[in-house]
Amino acid sequence: MHRGAAYRLTPAPGPSTGRSPSCPSSPTWATRGAAWLDAGHWVIWLGAAGHASASAERWAAGIPSRRTAPAEGVTAFAAASANVWSEIGNADPDPWTVRLATAATAWHAHRRTG
């Protein structure tokens, strides 16, 4: 199973409102790579949570390292992510993996046609 093996939105303590907003976090898959890769993972997670790819990319653009990322690198990462999540979704087609595979595929399509 691949559940929990990538970034997820987890509750974070909120201000005095008592609400718990979500924030991206990951206790797994620690690797070396371009700093903007985290924002790329978040685009997929935001898509899986219901955001359109364009909206998720606008959010990611607020991350300094993402603003300077090479467009062709981001598109290549979107393609690779779509492939990985498609493979995971086909091997374990539960609602969670299907949402992530769908979001990654939508993001890659958005990057190609943008």
Protein backbone atom coordinates (compact mmCIF):
# COMPACT_ATOMS: atom_id res chain seq x y z
CA MET A 1 0.00 0.00 0.00
CA HIS A 2 1.15 3.51 -0.76
CA ARG A 3 -1.10 5.38 1.63
CA GLY A 4 0.80 8.09 3.48
CA ALA A 5 3.82 7.67 1.25
CA ALA A 6 3.68 11.22 -0.07
CA TYR A 7 2.66 14.69 0.98
CA ARG A 8 -0.70 15.10 2.61
CA LEU A 9 -2.66 17.98 4.05
CA THR A 10 -2.66 17.57 7.80
CA PRO A 11 -4.32 19.64 10.49
CA ALA A 12 -2.21 22.41 11.92
CA PRO A 13 -3.00 24.44 15.01
CA GLY A 14 -4.97 27.51 14.08
CA PRO A 15 -4.94 30.93 15.68
CA SER A 16 -7.37 31.72 18.45
CA THR A 17 -10.32 30.73 16.24
CA GLY A 18 -10.09 27.14 17.47
CA ARG A 19 -10.16 25.88 13.90
CA SER A 20 -7.44 23.67 12.50
CA PRO A 21 -6.48 24.76 8.99
CA SER A 22 -4.62 22.29 6.82
CA CYS A 23 -0.98 22.57 5.94
CA PRO A 24 1.19 20.40 3.69
CA SER A 25 3.48 17.99 5.49
CA SER A 26 5.32 14.75 4.83
CA PRO A 27 7.06 12.40 7.19
CA THR A 28 8.19 10.15 4.32
CA TRP A 29 10.04 10.00 1.01
CA ALA A 30 12.78 12.33 2.18
CA THR A 31 15.06 12.86 -0.79
CA ARG A 32 17.38 15.46 -2.23
CA GLY A 33 16.11 17.52 -5.11
CA ALA A 34 15.16 20.94 -6.33
CA ALA A 35 13.53 23.06 -3.64
CA TRP A 36 10.48 23.68 -5.85
CA LEU A 37 9.54 19.97 -5.89
CA ASP A 38 7.62 20.37 -2.63
CA ALA A 39 5.37 22.97 -4.25
CA GLY A 40 4.85 20.55 -7.14
CA HIS A 41 3.66 17.84 -4.76
CA TRP A 42 1.33 20.36 -3.13
CA VAL A 43 -0.26 21.15 -6.52
CA ILE A 44 -1.25 17.50 -6.76
CA TRP A 45 -2.56 17.39 -3.20
CA LEU A 46 -4.56 20.56 -3.69
CA GLY A 47 -5.99 19.07 -6.89
CA ALA A 48 -6.97 15.91 -5.02
CA ALA A 49 -8.72 18.14 -2.47
CA GLY A 50 -10.83 19.71 -5.23
CA HIS A 51 -8.81 22.67 -6.50
CA ALA A 52 -8.41 23.23 -10.22
CA SER A 53 -4.85 22.81 -11.48
CA ALA A 54 -4.64 26.51 -12.41
CA SER A 55 -5.72 27.51 -8.90
CA ALA A 56 -3.25 25.10 -7.30
CA GLU A 57 -0.44 26.42 -9.49
CA ARG A 58 -1.26 30.00 -8.46
CA TRP A 59 -0.92 28.90 -4.84
CA ALA A 60 2.39 27.19 -5.61
CA ALA A 61 3.63 30.36 -7.32
CA GLY A 62 3.67 31.96 -3.87
CA ILE A 63 6.58 29.70 -2.90
CA PRO A 64 9.85 31.53 -3.71
CA SER A 65 11.65 28.48 -5.09
CA ARG A 66 8.69 27.66 -7.33
CA ARG A 67 8.73 31.14 -8.88
CA THR A 68 12.26 30.51 -10.19
CA ALA A 69 11.73 26.90 -11.28
CA PRO A 70 12.34 26.17 -14.96
CA ALA A 71 8.99 25.70 -16.76
CA GLU A 72 10.25 22.64 -18.63
CA GLY A 73 11.37 21.09 -15.33
CA VAL A 74 7.97 21.67 -13.73
CA THR A 75 6.23 20.16 -16.76
CA ALA A 76 8.57 17.14 -16.69
CA PHE A 77 7.83 16.70 -12.97
CA ALA A 78 4.08 16.93 -13.68
CA ALA A 79 4.46 14.22 -16.36
CA ALA A 80 6.48 11.96 -14.06
CA SER A 81 4.01 12.49 -11.21
CA ALA A 82 1.07 11.64 -13.48
CA ASN A 83 2.84 8.42 -14.49
CA VAL A 84 3.70 7.45 -10.91
CA TRP A 85 0.23 8.16 -9.53
CA SER A 86 -1.40 6.37 -12.47
CA GLU A 87 0.71 3.30 -11.71
CA ILE A 88 -0.13 3.52 -8.00
CA GLY A 89 -3.82 4.06 -8.76
CA ASN A 90 -3.92 1.08 -11.09
CA ALA A 91 -2.22 -1.16 -8.52
CA ASP A 92 -4.35 0.07 -5.60
CA PRO A 93 -7.54 1.67 -7.00
CA ASP A 94 -9.07 2.92 -3.80
CA PRO A 95 -10.68 6.39 -3.68
CA TRP A 96 -7.57 8.03 -2.18
CA THR A 97 -5.15 6.85 -4.87
CA VAL A 98 -7.66 7.47 -7.66
CA ARG A 99 -8.08 11.11 -6.49
CA LEU A 100 -4.32 11.63 -6.50
CA ALA A 101 -3.89 9.94 -9.89
CA THR A 102 -6.70 12.06 -11.32
CA ALA A 103 -5.23 15.25 -9.88
CA ALA A 104 -1.72 14.47 -11.16
CA THR A 105 -3.07 13.67 -14.63
CA ALA A 106 -5.13 16.88 -14.67
CA TRP A 107 -2.08 18.91 -13.61
CA HIS A 108 0.04 17.38 -16.36
CA ALA A 109 -2.70 18.15 -18.93
CA HIS A 110 -2.87 21.72 -17.61
CA ARG A 111 0.92 22.09 -17.94
CA ARG A 112 0.77 20.86 -21.56
CA THR A 113 -2.14 23.07 -22.60
CA GLY A 114 -1.95 25.75 -19.90
